[in-house]
């Protein structure tokens, strides 16, 4: 059977270097009874708890800290699962690639659903389109793997870790300044996301076009 490596990861993020040092330090310390697939599947209860805490935050802003804690926990488990699997040679390369990235989308959807629960109804259409754009970034990355054999999840120095920190920052602002402060920022978030997606898709299709032209020669 052909060896599968999930595509060669390319691109660096702003926090990539310190994040790698933290994960390399933590992965040998994960208890033996916690397997890599346990870490991967933990995104399911984490996503459920994000929605639960978001619902509870409608009555008490203190639950926003619970949402942020779950986002931080998902970063930890999502970062450790592959490192632990490689360290212990567990061999779940294909399964890990599939489930890890599928559950990343479930996590993203849970976070956005949480904001839809929290924020006033007239924001919901903007949140829906933001979710669609963020999802398009993920689709672009996965399709590019098939076409190029290279996996890029970091764009313009921004990757999943930085996005999680943005969510935590937003939750902090919601706690201190209330649930309506986002009113003036969501259109800008959507506009910047659309522009960034256009840039990423243009760069990706240009790379794939070049590969096709090289093969033609």
N, C-alpha and C. Protein backbone atom coordinates (compact mmCIF):
# COMPACT_ATOMS: atom_id res chain seq x y z
N UNK A 1 0.85 -1.20 0.00
CA UNK A 1 0.00 0.00 0.00
C UNK A 1 0.88 1.24 0.00
N UNK A 2 0.46 2.25 -0.74
CA UNK A 2 1.23 3.48 -0.84
C UNK A 2 1.30 4.19 0.51
N UNK A 3 2.50 4.64 0.86
CA UNK A 3 2.69 5.33 2.12
C UNK A 3 1.94 6.66 2.10
N UNK A 4 1.33 6.98 3.23
CA UNK A 4 0.58 8.22 3.35
C UNK A 4 1.21 9.06 4.46
N UNK A 5 1.50 10.32 4.15
CA UNK A 5 2.09 11.19 5.16
C UNK A 5 1.23 12.41 5.44
N UNK A 6 0.05 12.49 4.82
CA UNK A 6 -0.82 13.62 5.06
C UNK A 6 -0.42 14.88 4.34
N UNK A 7 0.57 14.76 3.46
CA UNK A 7 1.04 15.95 2.75
C UNK A 7 2.12 16.66 3.53
N UNK A 8 3.09 17.18 2.83
CA UNK A 8 4.18 17.90 3.48
C UNK A 8 3.68 19.27 3.92
N UNK A 9 3.77 19.55 5.22
CA UNK A 9 3.29 20.81 5.75
C UNK A 9 4.27 21.93 5.40
N UNK A 10 3.73 23.02 4.88
CA UNK A 10 4.56 24.16 4.54
C UNK A 10 3.95 25.41 5.18
N UNK A 11 4.75 26.45 5.27
CA UNK A 11 4.27 27.69 5.85
C UNK A 11 4.55 27.76 7.34
N UNK A 12 4.77 28.96 7.83
CA UNK A 12 5.03 29.16 9.25
C UNK A 12 4.06 30.21 9.78
N UNK A 13 3.77 30.10 11.06
CA UNK A 13 2.89 31.07 11.71
C UNK A 13 3.70 31.90 12.70
N UNK A 14 3.11 32.97 13.15
CA UNK A 14 3.80 33.87 14.07
C UNK A 14 4.24 33.14 15.33
N UNK A 15 3.39 32.28 15.84
CA UNK A 15 3.67 31.58 17.10
C UNK A 15 4.18 30.17 16.87
N UNK A 16 4.54 29.83 15.64
CA UNK A 16 4.93 28.46 15.32
C UNK A 16 6.12 27.94 16.10
N UNK A 17 7.16 28.74 16.23
CA UNK A 17 8.38 28.29 16.90
C UNK A 17 8.16 28.03 18.39
N UNK A 18 7.61 29.00 19.16
CA UNK A 18 7.38 28.69 20.58
C UNK A 18 6.36 27.58 20.79
N UNK A 19 5.35 27.52 19.91
CA UNK A 19 4.36 26.45 20.02
C UNK A 19 5.02 25.09 19.87
N UNK A 20 5.93 24.96 18.91
CA UNK A 20 6.61 23.68 18.69
C UNK A 20 7.45 23.29 19.89
N UNK A 21 8.12 24.27 20.50
CA UNK A 21 8.93 23.96 21.68
C UNK A 21 8.06 23.47 22.83
N UNK A 22 6.89 24.11 23.01
CA UNK A 22 5.99 23.69 24.09
C UNK A 22 5.50 22.27 23.86
N UNK A 23 5.09 21.97 22.62
CA UNK A 23 4.55 20.64 22.32
C UNK A 23 5.64 19.57 22.44
N UNK A 24 6.84 19.87 21.98
CA UNK A 24 7.95 18.90 22.11
C UNK A 24 8.27 18.63 23.57
N UNK A 25 8.08 19.64 24.43
CA UNK A 25 8.33 19.47 25.85
C UNK A 25 7.21 18.68 26.52
N UNK A 26 5.97 18.93 26.11
CA UNK A 26 4.82 18.30 26.75
C UNK A 26 4.56 16.87 26.30
N UNK A 27 4.79 16.57 25.01
CA UNK A 27 4.37 15.27 24.47
C UNK A 27 4.95 14.07 25.21
N UNK A 28 6.22 14.08 25.64
CA UNK A 28 6.71 12.91 26.39
C UNK A 28 6.08 12.78 27.78
N UNK A 29 5.45 13.85 28.27
CA UNK A 29 4.88 13.86 29.61
C UNK A 29 3.42 13.43 29.64
N UNK A 30 2.83 13.20 28.49
CA UNK A 30 1.44 12.73 28.44
C UNK A 30 1.37 11.32 29.00
N UNK A 31 0.48 11.06 29.96
CA UNK A 31 0.40 9.71 30.56
C UNK A 31 0.18 8.63 29.50
N UNK A 32 0.75 7.45 29.76
CA UNK A 32 0.71 6.36 28.78
C UNK A 32 -0.72 5.93 28.46
N UNK A 33 -1.63 6.08 29.41
CA UNK A 33 -3.00 5.61 29.17
C UNK A 33 -3.78 6.55 28.26
N UNK A 34 -3.23 7.75 28.02
CA UNK A 34 -3.86 8.68 27.09
C UNK A 34 -3.23 8.47 25.72
N UNK A 35 -3.99 7.92 24.78
CA UNK A 35 -3.48 7.65 23.45
C UNK A 35 -3.75 8.82 22.52
N UNK A 36 -3.10 8.79 21.37
CA UNK A 36 -3.26 9.91 20.43
C UNK A 36 -4.71 10.06 19.96
N UNK A 37 -5.41 8.92 19.78
CA UNK A 37 -6.80 9.03 19.31
C UNK A 37 -7.72 9.58 20.41
N UNK A 38 -7.35 9.37 21.68
CA UNK A 38 -8.11 9.99 22.75
C UNK A 38 -8.02 11.51 22.65
N UNK A 39 -6.82 12.00 22.39
CA UNK A 39 -6.61 13.44 22.26
C UNK A 39 -7.39 14.00 21.07
N UNK A 40 -7.37 13.26 19.96
CA UNK A 40 -8.10 13.71 18.77
C UNK A 40 -9.61 13.79 19.04
N UNK A 41 -10.15 12.72 19.62
CA UNK A 41 -11.59 12.64 19.85
C UNK A 41 -12.07 13.58 20.95
N UNK A 42 -11.16 14.09 21.76
CA UNK A 42 -11.57 15.01 22.82
C UNK A 42 -12.18 16.29 22.27
N UNK A 43 -11.95 16.58 20.97
CA UNK A 43 -12.58 17.76 20.37
C UNK A 43 -14.10 17.67 20.36
N UNK A 44 -14.63 16.43 20.44
CA UNK A 44 -16.09 16.27 20.44
C UNK A 44 -16.70 16.81 21.73
N UNK A 45 -16.28 16.30 22.93
CA UNK A 45 -16.87 16.88 24.15
C UNK A 45 -16.49 18.35 24.34
N UNK A 46 -15.31 18.75 23.88
CA UNK A 46 -14.92 20.15 23.99
C UNK A 46 -15.87 21.03 23.18
N UNK A 47 -16.21 20.61 21.97
CA UNK A 47 -17.13 21.38 21.13
C UNK A 47 -18.52 21.46 21.75
N UNK A 48 -18.97 20.36 22.35
CA UNK A 48 -20.27 20.37 23.02
C UNK A 48 -20.26 21.34 24.20
N UNK A 49 -19.17 21.32 24.97
CA UNK A 49 -19.08 22.20 26.13
C UNK A 49 -19.01 23.67 25.71
N UNK A 50 -18.39 23.96 24.56
CA UNK A 50 -18.37 25.34 24.07
C UNK A 50 -19.79 25.85 23.84
N UNK A 51 -20.62 25.02 23.24
CA UNK A 51 -22.01 25.42 23.00
C UNK A 51 -22.77 25.56 24.32
N UNK A 52 -22.54 24.62 25.25
CA UNK A 52 -23.20 24.70 26.56
C UNK A 52 -22.81 25.96 27.30
N UNK A 53 -21.50 26.25 27.36
CA UNK A 53 -21.03 27.44 28.06
C UNK A 53 -21.53 28.72 27.38
N UNK A 54 -21.62 28.69 26.05
CA UNK A 54 -22.13 29.86 25.33
C UNK A 54 -23.59 30.11 25.67
N UNK A 55 -24.35 29.04 25.77
CA UNK A 55 -25.76 29.17 26.14
C UNK A 55 -25.89 29.73 27.56
N UNK A 56 -25.07 29.22 28.48
CA UNK A 56 -25.11 29.70 29.87
C UNK A 56 -24.63 31.14 29.98
N UNK A 57 -23.73 31.55 29.06
CA UNK A 57 -23.20 32.91 29.09
C UNK A 57 -24.26 33.94 28.72
N UNK A 58 -25.38 33.51 28.21
CA UNK A 58 -26.48 34.45 27.95
C UNK A 58 -27.00 35.03 29.25
N UNK A 59 -26.90 34.25 30.33
CA UNK A 59 -27.37 34.70 31.63
C UNK A 59 -26.24 35.21 32.52
N UNK A 60 -25.03 34.67 32.34
CA UNK A 60 -23.89 35.10 33.15
C UNK A 60 -22.64 35.15 32.29
N UNK A 61 -22.06 36.35 32.19
CA UNK A 61 -20.86 36.52 31.36
C UNK A 61 -19.68 35.69 31.86
N UNK A 62 -19.72 35.26 33.10
CA UNK A 62 -18.61 34.48 33.67
C UNK A 62 -18.38 33.19 32.88
N UNK A 63 -19.43 32.67 32.26
CA UNK A 63 -19.27 31.43 31.50
C UNK A 63 -18.44 31.63 30.23
N UNK A 64 -18.21 32.87 29.84
CA UNK A 64 -17.31 33.12 28.71
C UNK A 64 -15.91 32.61 28.99
N UNK A 65 -15.51 32.63 30.27
CA UNK A 65 -14.21 32.06 30.62
C UNK A 65 -14.19 30.56 30.39
N UNK A 66 -15.34 29.92 30.58
CA UNK A 66 -15.44 28.49 30.27
C UNK A 66 -15.26 28.23 28.79
N UNK A 67 -15.86 29.10 27.95
CA UNK A 67 -15.67 28.97 26.50
C UNK A 67 -14.19 29.11 26.15
N UNK A 68 -13.55 30.13 26.71
CA UNK A 68 -12.13 30.35 26.42
C UNK A 68 -11.27 29.19 26.90
N UNK A 69 -11.63 28.63 28.06
CA UNK A 69 -10.88 27.49 28.58
C UNK A 69 -10.99 26.29 27.63
N UNK A 70 -12.18 26.08 27.06
CA UNK A 70 -12.36 24.98 26.12
C UNK A 70 -11.57 25.22 24.83
N UNK A 71 -11.51 26.47 24.39
CA UNK A 71 -10.72 26.80 23.19
C UNK A 71 -9.25 26.49 23.45
N UNK A 72 -8.75 26.88 24.64
CA UNK A 72 -7.36 26.58 25.00
C UNK A 72 -7.14 25.08 25.10
N UNK A 73 -8.10 24.37 25.66
CA UNK A 73 -7.97 22.91 25.78
C UNK A 73 -7.94 22.25 24.40
N UNK A 74 -8.76 22.76 23.47
CA UNK A 74 -8.76 22.18 22.13
C UNK A 74 -7.43 22.42 21.44
N UNK A 75 -6.82 23.59 21.66
CA UNK A 75 -5.47 23.83 21.12
C UNK A 75 -4.51 22.79 21.66
N UNK A 76 -4.56 22.54 22.97
CA UNK A 76 -3.61 21.61 23.58
C UNK A 76 -3.77 20.20 23.03
N UNK A 77 -5.00 19.69 23.01
CA UNK A 77 -5.21 18.31 22.54
C UNK A 77 -4.95 18.19 21.05
N UNK A 78 -5.35 19.22 20.28
CA UNK A 78 -5.16 19.19 18.83
C UNK A 78 -3.68 19.25 18.47
N UNK A 79 -2.90 19.96 19.27
CA UNK A 79 -1.46 20.07 19.01
C UNK A 79 -0.71 18.83 19.46
N UNK A 80 -1.21 18.19 20.52
CA UNK A 80 -0.49 17.06 21.09
C UNK A 80 -0.78 15.73 20.39
N UNK A 81 -1.96 15.58 19.76
CA UNK A 81 -2.33 14.26 19.26
C UNK A 81 -1.33 13.72 18.24
N UNK A 82 -0.95 14.55 17.26
CA UNK A 82 0.01 14.10 16.27
C UNK A 82 1.39 13.87 16.86
N UNK A 83 1.81 14.76 17.76
CA UNK A 83 3.14 14.62 18.37
C UNK A 83 3.22 13.35 19.20
N UNK A 84 2.17 13.06 19.97
CA UNK A 84 2.15 11.84 20.77
C UNK A 84 2.12 10.60 19.89
N UNK A 85 1.31 10.64 18.83
CA UNK A 85 1.23 9.50 17.91
C UNK A 85 2.57 9.21 17.26
N UNK A 86 3.28 10.25 16.83
CA UNK A 86 4.60 10.04 16.21
C UNK A 86 5.62 9.56 17.22
N UNK A 87 5.58 10.11 18.42
CA UNK A 87 6.53 9.73 19.45
C UNK A 87 6.38 8.26 19.82
N UNK A 88 5.15 7.79 19.90
CA UNK A 88 4.89 6.40 20.31
C UNK A 88 4.73 5.46 19.13
N UNK A 89 4.82 6.01 17.89
CA UNK A 89 4.69 5.19 16.68
C UNK A 89 3.37 4.40 16.68
N UNK A 90 2.27 5.10 16.97
CA UNK A 90 0.98 4.43 17.03
C UNK A 90 0.42 4.09 15.66
N UNK A 91 0.88 4.76 14.62
CA UNK A 91 0.55 4.37 13.26
C UNK A 91 -0.78 4.85 12.72
N UNK A 92 -1.50 5.70 13.46
CA UNK A 92 -2.81 6.17 12.97
C UNK A 92 -2.65 7.41 12.10
N UNK A 93 -1.92 7.25 11.02
CA UNK A 93 -1.61 8.41 10.17
C UNK A 93 -2.82 8.82 9.37
N UNK A 94 -3.42 7.89 8.63
CA UNK A 94 -4.59 8.22 7.81
C UNK A 94 -5.78 8.60 8.68
N UNK A 95 -6.06 7.78 9.69
CA UNK A 95 -7.18 8.06 10.58
C UNK A 95 -6.98 9.40 11.27
N UNK A 96 -5.77 9.65 11.75
CA UNK A 96 -5.48 10.90 12.43
C UNK A 96 -5.67 12.10 11.53
N UNK A 97 -5.20 11.99 10.28
CA UNK A 97 -5.36 13.08 9.32
C UNK A 97 -6.84 13.37 9.09
N UNK A 98 -7.61 12.32 8.88
CA UNK A 98 -9.03 12.50 8.58
C UNK A 98 -9.80 13.07 9.77
N UNK A 99 -9.70 12.38 10.92
CA UNK A 99 -10.49 12.77 12.08
C UNK A 99 -10.04 14.11 12.66
N UNK A 100 -8.74 14.33 12.67
CA UNK A 100 -8.21 15.58 13.24
C UNK A 100 -8.78 16.78 12.50
N UNK A 101 -8.73 16.74 11.17
CA UNK A 101 -9.17 17.90 10.40
C UNK A 101 -10.69 17.99 10.31
N UNK A 102 -11.37 16.86 10.31
CA UNK A 102 -12.83 16.90 10.36
C UNK A 102 -13.30 17.53 11.67
N UNK A 103 -12.69 17.12 12.77
CA UNK A 103 -13.10 17.64 14.07
C UNK A 103 -12.65 19.09 14.27
N UNK A 104 -11.62 19.53 13.54
CA UNK A 104 -11.26 20.94 13.57
C UNK A 104 -12.43 21.78 13.04
N UNK A 105 -13.08 21.27 12.00
CA UNK A 105 -14.24 22.01 11.47
C UNK A 105 -15.40 21.98 12.46
N UNK A 106 -15.63 20.84 13.10
CA UNK A 106 -16.68 20.75 14.12
C UNK A 106 -16.41 21.76 15.23
N UNK A 107 -15.15 21.86 15.65
CA UNK A 107 -14.77 22.83 16.68
C UNK A 107 -15.05 24.26 16.22
N UNK A 108 -14.65 24.58 14.98
CA UNK A 108 -14.90 25.92 14.45
C UNK A 108 -16.40 26.22 14.40
N UNK A 109 -17.17 25.25 13.95
CA UNK A 109 -18.62 25.43 13.87
C UNK A 109 -19.21 25.64 15.26
N UNK A 110 -18.68 24.93 16.26
CA UNK A 110 -19.18 25.07 17.63
C UNK A 110 -18.90 26.48 18.16
N UNK A 111 -17.70 26.99 17.88
CA UNK A 111 -17.35 28.35 18.33
C UNK A 111 -18.29 29.37 17.69
N UNK A 112 -18.50 29.26 16.39
CA UNK A 112 -19.36 30.22 15.70
C UNK A 112 -20.82 30.05 16.13
N UNK A 113 -21.24 28.81 16.38
CA UNK A 113 -22.60 28.59 16.89
C UNK A 113 -22.76 29.23 18.26
N UNK A 114 -21.68 29.17 19.05
CA UNK A 114 -21.72 29.81 20.36
C UNK A 114 -21.94 31.30 20.26
N UNK A 115 -21.27 31.94 19.30
CA UNK A 115 -21.48 33.38 19.11
C UNK A 115 -22.88 33.68 18.60
N UNK A 116 -23.42 32.79 17.78
CA UNK A 116 -24.80 32.98 17.31
C UNK A 116 -25.79 32.90 18.47
N UNK A 117 -25.48 32.04 19.45
CA UNK A 117 -26.33 31.93 20.63
C UNK A 117 -26.20 33.18 21.50
N UNK A 118 -24.98 33.68 21.62
CA UNK A 118 -24.69 34.78 22.53
C UNK A 118 -25.17 36.14 22.03
N UNK A 119 -24.93 36.42 20.77
CA UNK A 119 -25.10 37.77 20.26
C UNK A 119 -26.52 38.01 19.77
N UNK A 120 -26.94 39.26 19.69
CA UNK A 120 -28.29 39.58 19.23
C UNK A 120 -28.59 39.01 17.84
N UNK A 121 -29.86 38.79 17.56
CA UNK A 121 -30.27 38.10 16.35
C UNK A 121 -29.81 38.79 15.06
N UNK A 122 -29.73 40.13 15.07
CA UNK A 122 -29.41 40.82 13.82
C UNK A 122 -27.94 40.65 13.43
N UNK A 123 -27.12 40.00 14.28
CA UNK A 123 -25.73 39.70 13.93
C UNK A 123 -25.59 38.34 13.24
N UNK A 124 -26.65 37.53 13.29
CA UNK A 124 -26.50 36.13 12.91
C UNK A 124 -26.13 35.94 11.45
N UNK A 125 -26.63 36.79 10.57
CA UNK A 125 -26.30 36.60 9.15
C UNK A 125 -24.83 36.88 8.90
N UNK A 126 -24.26 37.85 9.62
CA UNK A 126 -22.82 38.11 9.49
C UNK A 126 -22.01 36.93 10.01
N UNK A 127 -22.43 36.37 11.14
CA UNK A 127 -21.72 35.23 11.73
C UNK A 127 -21.79 34.01 10.81
N UNK A 128 -22.93 33.83 10.15
CA UNK A 128 -23.05 32.71 9.21
C UNK A 128 -22.04 32.85 8.07
N UNK A 129 -21.93 34.04 7.50
CA UNK A 129 -21.01 34.23 6.39
C UNK A 129 -19.55 34.13 6.85
N UNK A 130 -19.27 34.57 8.07
CA UNK A 130 -17.90 34.42 8.60
C UNK A 130 -17.56 32.95 8.75
N UNK A 131 -18.51 32.15 9.25
CA UNK A 131 -18.29 30.71 9.35
C UNK A 131 -18.04 30.11 7.97
N UNK A 132 -18.82 30.53 6.98
CA UNK A 132 -18.66 30.01 5.62
C UNK A 132 -17.27 30.35 5.07
N UNK A 133 -16.79 31.57 5.33
CA UNK A 133 -15.47 31.97 4.83
C UNK A 133 -14.37 31.20 5.54
N UNK A 134 -14.46 31.06 6.86
CA UNK A 134 -13.46 30.29 7.60
C UNK A 134 -13.45 28.84 7.13
N UNK A 135 -14.65 28.30 6.87
CA UNK A 135 -14.71 26.94 6.35
C UNK A 135 -14.06 26.82 4.98
N UNK A 136 -14.19 27.89 4.16
CA UNK A 136 -13.58 27.88 2.83
C UNK A 136 -12.06 27.83 2.92
N UNK A 137 -11.49 28.47 3.92
CA UNK A 137 -10.04 28.36 4.12
C UNK A 137 -9.64 26.90 4.34
N UNK A 138 -10.42 26.19 5.14
CA UNK A 138 -10.12 24.78 5.42
C UNK A 138 -10.28 23.94 4.15
N UNK A 139 -11.35 24.16 3.41
CA UNK A 139 -11.57 23.42 2.17
C UNK A 139 -10.42 23.66 1.20
N UNK A 140 -9.98 24.91 1.09
CA UNK A 140 -8.86 25.24 0.21
C UNK A 140 -7.61 24.45 0.58
N UNK A 141 -7.33 24.36 1.87
CA UNK A 141 -6.14 23.63 2.33
C UNK A 141 -6.23 22.15 1.98
N UNK A 142 -7.40 21.55 2.20
CA UNK A 142 -7.53 20.12 1.97
C UNK A 142 -7.50 19.79 0.48
N UNK A 143 -8.12 20.62 -0.36
CA UNK A 143 -8.07 20.38 -1.80
C UNK A 143 -6.65 20.57 -2.33
N UNK A 144 -5.93 21.53 -1.78
CA UNK A 144 -4.57 21.78 -2.23
C UNK A 144 -3.65 20.61 -1.92
N UNK A 145 -3.92 19.89 -0.84
CA UNK A 145 -3.11 18.71 -0.51
C UNK A 145 -3.20 17.69 -1.64
N UNK A 146 -4.42 17.47 -2.13
CA UNK A 146 -4.60 16.49 -3.21
C UNK A 146 -3.90 16.92 -4.49
N UNK A 147 -3.89 18.22 -4.75
CA UNK A 147 -3.34 18.72 -6.01
C UNK A 147 -1.83 18.90 -5.97
N UNK A 148 -1.27 19.21 -4.79
CA UNK A 148 0.15 19.55 -4.71
C UNK A 148 0.96 18.61 -3.84
N UNK A 149 0.29 17.88 -2.94
CA UNK A 149 1.03 17.04 -2.00
C UNK A 149 1.60 17.84 -0.84
N UNK A 150 1.26 19.12 -0.78
CA UNK A 150 1.74 19.98 0.31
C UNK A 150 0.56 20.54 1.07
N UNK A 151 0.71 20.60 2.38
CA UNK A 151 -0.39 20.99 3.24
C UNK A 151 -0.06 22.32 3.91
N UNK A 152 -0.81 23.36 3.54
CA UNK A 152 -0.58 24.69 4.12
C UNK A 152 -1.81 25.09 4.94
N UNK A 153 -1.61 25.24 6.25
CA UNK A 153 -2.70 25.70 7.11
C UNK A 153 -2.40 27.08 7.70
N UNK A 154 -1.21 27.61 7.38
CA UNK A 154 -0.84 28.94 7.85
C UNK A 154 -0.77 29.88 6.64
N UNK A 155 -1.44 31.01 6.75
CA UNK A 155 -1.44 31.98 5.67
C UNK A 155 -1.12 33.37 6.24
N UNK A 156 -0.14 34.03 5.62
CA UNK A 156 0.26 35.38 6.05
C UNK A 156 0.65 35.40 7.52
N UNK A 157 1.26 34.29 7.97
CA UNK A 157 1.69 34.19 9.35
C UNK A 157 0.60 33.85 10.34
N UNK A 158 -0.62 33.64 9.84
CA UNK A 158 -1.76 33.34 10.70
C UNK A 158 -2.16 31.89 10.51
N UNK A 159 -2.27 31.16 11.61
CA UNK A 159 -2.67 29.76 11.56
C UNK A 159 -3.72 29.47 12.62
N UNK A 160 -4.04 28.21 12.82
CA UNK A 160 -5.08 27.84 13.79
C UNK A 160 -4.81 28.36 15.21
N UNK A 161 -3.56 28.36 15.63
CA UNK A 161 -3.25 28.84 16.98
C UNK A 161 -3.58 30.31 17.13
N UNK A 162 -3.18 31.10 16.15
CA UNK A 162 -3.47 32.54 16.21
C UNK A 162 -4.98 32.80 16.17
N UNK A 163 -5.71 32.02 15.38
CA UNK A 163 -7.16 32.19 15.31
C UNK A 163 -7.81 31.87 16.65
N UNK A 164 -7.31 30.83 17.32
CA UNK A 164 -7.86 30.50 18.65
C UNK A 164 -7.62 31.65 19.63
N UNK A 165 -6.45 32.26 19.56
CA UNK A 165 -6.16 33.40 20.43
C UNK A 165 -7.09 34.58 20.13
N UNK A 166 -7.44 34.75 18.86
CA UNK A 166 -8.40 35.80 18.50
C UNK A 166 -9.75 35.52 19.15
N UNK A 167 -10.19 34.26 19.12
CA UNK A 167 -11.46 33.90 19.75
C UNK A 167 -11.42 34.19 21.26
N UNK A 168 -10.31 33.84 21.90
CA UNK A 168 -10.17 34.10 23.34
C UNK A 168 -10.18 35.60 23.61
N UNK A 169 -9.53 36.37 22.75
CA UNK A 169 -9.53 37.82 22.89
C UNK A 169 -10.95 38.38 22.75
N UNK A 170 -11.68 37.88 21.77
CA UNK A 170 -13.07 38.31 21.57
C UNK A 170 -13.90 38.01 22.81
N UNK A 171 -13.73 36.80 23.37
CA UNK A 171 -14.48 36.44 24.58
C UNK A 171 -14.14 37.37 25.74
N UNK A 172 -12.87 37.74 25.85
CA UNK A 172 -12.45 38.65 26.91
C UNK A 172 -13.10 40.02 26.74
N UNK A 173 -13.13 40.50 25.49
CA UNK A 173 -13.78 41.78 25.22
C UNK A 173 -15.28 41.72 25.50
N UNK A 174 -15.90 40.57 25.16
CA UNK A 174 -17.32 40.40 25.46
C UNK A 174 -17.57 40.46 26.96
N UNK A 175 -16.68 39.87 27.73
CA UNK A 175 -16.85 39.85 29.19
C UNK A 175 -16.76 41.26 29.77
N UNK A 176 -15.79 42.03 29.32
CA UNK A 176 -15.55 43.34 29.92
C UNK A 176 -16.42 44.46 29.33
N UNK A 177 -16.79 44.31 28.05
CA UNK A 177 -17.48 45.43 27.39
C UNK A 177 -18.89 45.10 26.93
N UNK A 178 -19.33 43.85 27.13
CA UNK A 178 -20.71 43.51 26.78
C UNK A 178 -20.84 42.87 25.42
N UNK A 179 -22.01 42.36 25.14
CA UNK A 179 -22.24 41.53 23.97
C UNK A 179 -22.53 42.30 22.69
N UNK A 180 -22.65 43.61 22.77
CA UNK A 180 -22.98 44.38 21.58
C UNK A 180 -21.79 45.15 21.01
N UNK A 181 -20.62 45.03 21.65
CA UNK A 181 -19.48 45.82 21.18
C UNK A 181 -19.01 45.36 19.79
N UNK A 182 -19.38 44.14 19.40
CA UNK A 182 -18.96 43.61 18.10
C UNK A 182 -19.73 44.22 16.93
N UNK A 183 -20.76 44.98 17.22
CA UNK A 183 -21.64 45.48 16.16
C UNK A 183 -20.87 46.16 15.04
N UNK A 184 -19.91 47.01 15.39
CA UNK A 184 -19.19 47.75 14.36
C UNK A 184 -18.02 47.01 13.76
N UNK A 185 -17.64 45.87 14.36
CA UNK A 185 -16.44 45.17 13.88
C UNK A 185 -16.74 44.00 12.96
N UNK A 186 -17.91 43.37 13.10
CA UNK A 186 -18.20 42.18 12.30
C UNK A 186 -18.14 42.42 10.79
N UNK A 187 -18.68 43.54 10.28
CA UNK A 187 -18.55 43.76 8.83
C UNK A 187 -17.10 43.84 8.38
N UNK A 188 -16.23 44.44 9.21
CA UNK A 188 -14.82 44.53 8.87
C UNK A 188 -14.15 43.16 8.92
N UNK A 189 -14.53 42.35 9.93
CA UNK A 189 -14.00 40.98 10.02
C UNK A 189 -14.38 40.20 8.77
N UNK A 190 -15.64 40.32 8.37
CA UNK A 190 -16.10 39.60 7.17
C UNK A 190 -15.38 40.10 5.94
N UNK A 191 -15.27 41.43 5.79
CA UNK A 191 -14.59 41.98 4.61
C UNK A 191 -13.13 41.57 4.53
N UNK A 192 -12.42 41.64 5.65
CA UNK A 192 -11.00 41.24 5.66
C UNK A 192 -10.85 39.74 5.38
N UNK A 193 -11.79 38.95 5.89
CA UNK A 193 -11.74 37.50 5.66
C UNK A 193 -11.94 37.18 4.19
N UNK A 194 -12.87 37.88 3.53
CA UNK A 194 -13.12 37.65 2.10
C UNK A 194 -11.88 38.02 1.29
N UNK A 195 -11.26 39.17 1.59
CA UNK A 195 -10.05 39.58 0.88
C UNK A 195 -8.92 38.58 1.09
N UNK A 196 -8.76 38.12 2.33
CA UNK A 196 -7.71 37.14 2.62
C UNK A 196 -7.96 35.83 1.88
N UNK A 197 -9.22 35.40 1.82
CA UNK A 197 -9.55 34.17 1.10
C UNK A 197 -9.25 34.31 -0.38
N UNK A 198 -9.60 35.46 -0.96
CA UNK A 198 -9.30 35.69 -2.38
C UNK A 198 -7.80 35.59 -2.64
N UNK A 199 -7.02 36.17 -1.76
CA UNK A 199 -5.56 36.12 -1.92
C UNK A 199 -5.06 34.69 -1.83
N UNK A 200 -5.55 33.94 -0.83
CA UNK A 200 -5.09 32.57 -0.63
C UNK A 200 -5.47 31.69 -1.82
N UNK A 201 -6.72 31.82 -2.30
CA UNK A 201 -7.16 31.01 -3.43
C UNK A 201 -6.38 31.38 -4.68
N UNK A 202 -6.14 32.67 -4.89
CA UNK A 202 -5.34 33.08 -6.05
C UNK A 202 -3.95 32.48 -6.00
N UNK A 203 -3.30 32.55 -4.85
CA UNK A 203 -1.96 31.99 -4.72
C UNK A 203 -1.95 30.48 -4.91
N UNK A 204 -2.97 29.81 -4.36
CA UNK A 204 -3.03 28.35 -4.47
C UNK A 204 -3.25 27.92 -5.91
N UNK A 205 -4.22 28.55 -6.60
CA UNK A 205 -4.49 28.14 -7.99
C UNK A 205 -3.30 28.47 -8.89
N UNK A 206 -2.57 29.56 -8.59
CA UNK A 206 -1.41 29.89 -9.38
C UNK A 206 -0.32 28.83 -9.24
N UNK A 207 -0.16 28.34 -8.01
CA UNK A 207 0.83 27.27 -7.77
C UNK A 207 0.44 26.00 -8.52
N UNK A 208 -0.85 25.64 -8.45
CA UNK A 208 -1.32 24.43 -9.11
C UNK A 208 -1.23 24.57 -10.63
N UNK A 209 -1.54 25.75 -11.15
CA UNK A 209 -1.40 26.02 -12.59
C UNK A 209 0.04 25.79 -13.01
N UNK A 210 0.98 26.29 -12.21
CA UNK A 210 2.40 26.11 -12.53
C UNK A 210 2.80 24.65 -12.56
N UNK A 211 2.27 23.87 -11.63
CA UNK A 211 2.57 22.44 -11.62
C UNK A 211 2.04 21.76 -12.88
N UNK A 212 0.82 22.14 -13.31
CA UNK A 212 0.26 21.58 -14.54
C UNK A 212 1.11 21.94 -15.76
N UNK A 213 1.57 23.18 -15.81
CA UNK A 213 2.39 23.61 -16.95
C UNK A 213 3.74 22.88 -16.97
N UNK A 214 4.30 22.63 -15.79
CA UNK A 214 5.56 21.88 -15.72
C UNK A 214 5.36 20.44 -16.20
N UNK A 215 4.22 19.84 -15.80
CA UNK A 215 3.94 18.48 -16.25
C UNK A 215 3.74 18.44 -17.77
N UNK A 216 3.13 19.48 -18.30
CA UNK A 216 2.87 19.53 -19.75
C UNK A 216 4.19 19.56 -20.53
N UNK A 217 5.17 20.26 -19.97
CA UNK A 217 6.47 20.34 -20.64
C UNK A 217 7.19 19.00 -20.61
